Amino acid sequence: MKTSSVLIAAWLLGTTVGTAVFAAEYRDGANGFRLDLPSFGSVDKLGAQVLTVAGPPVNGFSPNCNVQVQSMSGSLEEYEALTLKQFDSLGFTLIESTRVAAGARPSIRWHYSGTLRGVEFEWLAVAIERSDQFLLLTCTALKDAYDEVAETFERTVASFRVE
């Protein structure tokens, strides 16, 4: 790869050559590639989606898992109440709500389903409180394809930790 290509890639990533911080190496043996996952620094007060991983499409939709950092001052109970209010306003069905411990931190796990733009989805999520932020991992699939990825989603959610 030419030096100019490296400089352009670094510019597109919003960092400079020599100062990039990489979180980990990702290896995908099934698809035959690996890459160093960049870390773009801590999230400010606005919050951000910091990671998305998607599988191959099933009926036109790729099952996926996302990690969001959401800024919110408040307790886990307040976050839960706000989330359940949002589920209700969207007409989502809460299948399960469970308090869990993600490492040493109190967390809440939700399994829910609903319709967005006429498409039925099913989700598995976990929220972990961290000072004035919540880390939210959400895994999403089409409702009729959820059983195919449920075990993968369960393992992903169970492995989520705050460092």
Protein backbone atom coordinates (compact mmCIF):
# COMPACT_ATOMS: atom_id res chain seq x y z
CA MET A 1 0.00 0.00 0.00
CA LYS A 2 1.38 3.42 -0.92
CA THR A 3 2.07 6.01 1.77
CA SER A 4 -0.54 8.33 0.24
CA SER A 5 -3.18 5.61 0.67
CA VAL A 6 -2.26 5.24 4.34
CA LEU A 7 -2.50 9.00 4.87
CA ILE A 8 -5.89 9.17 3.14
CA ALA A 9 -7.19 6.24 5.21
CA ALA A 10 -5.94 7.88 8.43
CA TRP A 11 -7.58 11.16 7.47
CA LEU A 12 -10.88 9.38 6.78
CA LEU A 13 -10.70 7.78 10.22
CA GLY A 14 -10.32 11.21 11.79
CA THR A 15 -6.89 10.53 13.21
CA THR A 16 -3.31 11.02 12.14
CA VAL A 17 -0.67 8.45 11.34
CA GLY A 18 1.30 7.56 14.46
CA THR A 19 -1.37 8.67 16.95
CA ALA A 20 -4.15 6.20 16.24
CA VAL A 21 -5.25 4.11 19.19
CA PHE A 22 -6.44 0.62 18.42
CA ALA A 23 -8.73 -1.22 20.80
CA ALA A 24 -8.16 -4.80 19.68
CA GLU A 25 -7.60 -7.05 16.74
CA TYR A 26 -10.74 -8.53 15.21
CA ARG A 27 -10.45 -11.84 13.37
CA ASP A 28 -13.22 -13.22 11.19
CA GLY A 29 -12.20 -16.75 10.24
CA ALA A 30 -15.52 -17.50 8.55
CA ASN A 31 -15.02 -14.70 6.04
CA GLY A 32 -11.22 -14.77 5.96
CA PHE A 33 -10.10 -11.37 7.23
CA ARG A 34 -8.76 -9.51 10.23
CA LEU A 35 -8.35 -5.87 11.17
CA ASP A 36 -7.30 -3.64 14.03
CA LEU A 37 -10.37 -1.98 15.53
CA PRO A 38 -9.78 1.75 16.00
CA SER A 39 -10.75 3.54 19.18
CA PHE A 40 -11.76 7.14 18.59
CA GLY A 41 -11.55 8.29 22.19
CA SER A 42 -14.13 8.77 24.89
CA VAL A 43 -17.67 9.83 24.09
CA ASP A 44 -18.79 13.32 25.09
CA LYS A 45 -22.07 14.42 26.62
CA LEU A 46 -24.04 13.77 23.43
CA GLY A 47 -23.43 10.03 23.35
CA ALA A 48 -22.67 7.91 20.31
CA GLN A 49 -22.93 4.52 18.71
CA VAL A 50 -19.40 3.20 19.01
CA LEU A 51 -19.62 -0.29 17.53
CA THR A 52 -21.81 -2.14 15.04
CA VAL A 53 -21.37 -5.75 13.98
CA ALA A 54 -23.72 -7.23 11.39
CA GLY A 55 -24.20 -10.71 10.00
CA PRO A 56 -25.26 -11.79 6.53
CA PRO A 57 -28.76 -10.67 5.49
CA VAL A 58 -31.74 -12.87 6.28
CA ASN A 59 -34.83 -11.92 4.25
CA GLY A 60 -33.25 -8.55 3.43
CA PHE A 61 -32.12 -7.59 6.95
CA SER A 62 -28.74 -8.22 8.60
CA PRO A 63 -28.99 -9.32 12.23
CA ASN A 64 -26.72 -6.99 14.17
CA CYS A 65 -25.36 -5.94 17.54
CA ASN A 66 -24.60 -2.33 18.45
CA VAL A 67 -22.95 -0.65 21.41
CA GLN A 68 -24.06 2.85 22.28
CA VAL A 69 -22.74 5.19 24.93
CA GLN A 70 -25.71 7.20 26.17
CA SER A 71 -25.16 10.22 28.38
CA MET A 72 -27.71 10.41 31.18
CA SER A 73 -27.43 11.41 34.78
CA GLY A 74 -29.61 9.14 36.83
CA SER A 75 -29.93 5.74 38.36
CA LEU A 76 -30.42 2.40 36.68
CA GLU A 77 -34.03 2.53 37.91
CA GLU A 78 -34.60 5.89 36.18
CA TYR A 79 -33.00 4.60 32.97
CA GLU A 80 -35.20 1.51 33.12
CA ALA A 81 -38.36 3.59 33.62
CA LEU A 82 -37.46 5.83 30.68
CA THR A 83 -36.72 2.84 28.45
CA LEU A 84 -39.96 1.04 29.36
CA LYS A 85 -41.87 4.26 28.65
CA GLN A 86 -40.23 4.40 25.21
CA PHE A 87 -41.11 0.74 24.56
CA ASP A 88 -44.72 1.49 25.49
CA SER A 89 -44.93 4.58 23.27
CA LEU A 90 -43.60 2.54 20.34
CA GLY A 91 -46.03 -0.34 20.99
CA PHE A 92 -43.21 -2.81 21.70
CA THR A 93 -43.89 -6.02 23.64
CA LEU A 94 -41.62 -6.67 26.60
CA ILE A 95 -40.87 -10.39 26.59
CA GLU A 96 -38.50 -10.34 29.55
CA SER A 97 -36.88 -7.80 31.86
CA THR A 98 -34.19 -9.08 34.22
CA ARG A 99 -31.69 -7.49 36.58
CA VAL A 100 -28.26 -8.95 35.89
CA ALA A 101 -24.70 -8.30 37.00
CA ALA A 102 -22.37 -7.43 34.15
CA GLY A 103 -19.13 -8.05 35.97
CA ALA A 104 -19.52 -6.17 39.26
CA ARG A 105 -21.96 -3.58 37.90
CA PRO A 106 -25.72 -3.71 38.25
CA SER A 107 -27.34 -3.97 34.85
CA ILE A 108 -30.65 -4.68 33.22
CA ARG A 109 -31.39 -7.06 30.38
CA TRP A 110 -34.39 -6.73 28.08
CA HIS A 111 -35.84 -9.10 25.50
CA TYR A 112 -38.54 -7.38 23.47
CA SER A 113 -40.27 -7.31 20.08
CA GLY A 114 -42.06 -4.78 17.98
CA THR A 115 -42.82 -3.37 14.57
CA LEU A 116 -40.94 -0.51 12.90
CA ARG A 117 -42.08 0.77 9.49
CA GLY A 118 -44.21 -2.35 9.05
CA VAL A 119 -41.38 -4.80 9.76
CA GLU A 120 -41.45 -7.08 12.83
CA PHE A 121 -38.23 -7.20 14.86
CA GLU A 122 -37.01 -8.90 18.00
CA TRP A 123 -34.27 -7.50 20.26
CA LEU A 124 -32.05 -8.60 23.11
CA ALA A 125 -30.31 -5.81 25.02
CA VAL A 126 -28.38 -5.04 28.18
CA ALA A 127 -27.76 -1.64 29.76
CA ILE A 128 -24.90 -1.02 32.20
CA GLU A 129 -24.63 2.11 34.34
CA ARG A 130 -21.30 3.96 34.40
CA SER A 131 -21.13 7.29 36.28
CA ASP A 132 -23.15 9.73 34.13
CA GLN A 133 -23.48 7.35 31.18
CA PHE A 134 -25.12 4.09 30.25
CA LEU A 135 -23.55 1.57 27.94
CA LEU A 136 -26.24 -0.15 25.88
CA LEU A 137 -25.67 -3.29 23.84
CA THR A 138 -28.59 -4.04 21.53
CA CYS A 139 -28.84 -7.09 19.27
CA THR A 140 -31.54 -6.98 16.56
CA ALA A 141 -33.02 -9.51 14.12
CA LEU A 142 -36.18 -9.95 12.13
CA LYS A 143 -38.77 -11.57 14.38
CA ASP A 144 -39.19 -14.57 12.08
CA ALA A 145 -35.40 -15.10 11.99
CA TYR A 146 -34.65 -14.44 15.68
CA ASP A 147 -34.41 -18.11 16.69
CA GLU A 148 -31.54 -18.57 14.21
CA VAL A 149 -29.40 -15.97 16.04
CA ALA A 150 -30.78 -16.19 19.58
CA GLU A 151 -27.88 -18.26 20.93
CA THR A 152 -25.33 -15.87 19.40
CA PHE A 153 -27.19 -12.87 20.85
CA GLU A 154 -27.40 -14.52 24.29
CA ARG A 155 -23.65 -15.17 24.36
CA THR A 156 -22.87 -11.65 23.12
CA VAL A 157 -25.09 -10.02 25.77
CA ALA A 158 -23.70 -12.28 28.52
CA SER A 159 -20.13 -11.30 27.61
CA PHE A 160 -20.68 -7.51 27.71
CA ARG A 161 -18.59 -5.80 30.41
CA VAL A 162 -17.47 -2.31 31.38
CA GLU A 163 -13.75 -1.89 32.02
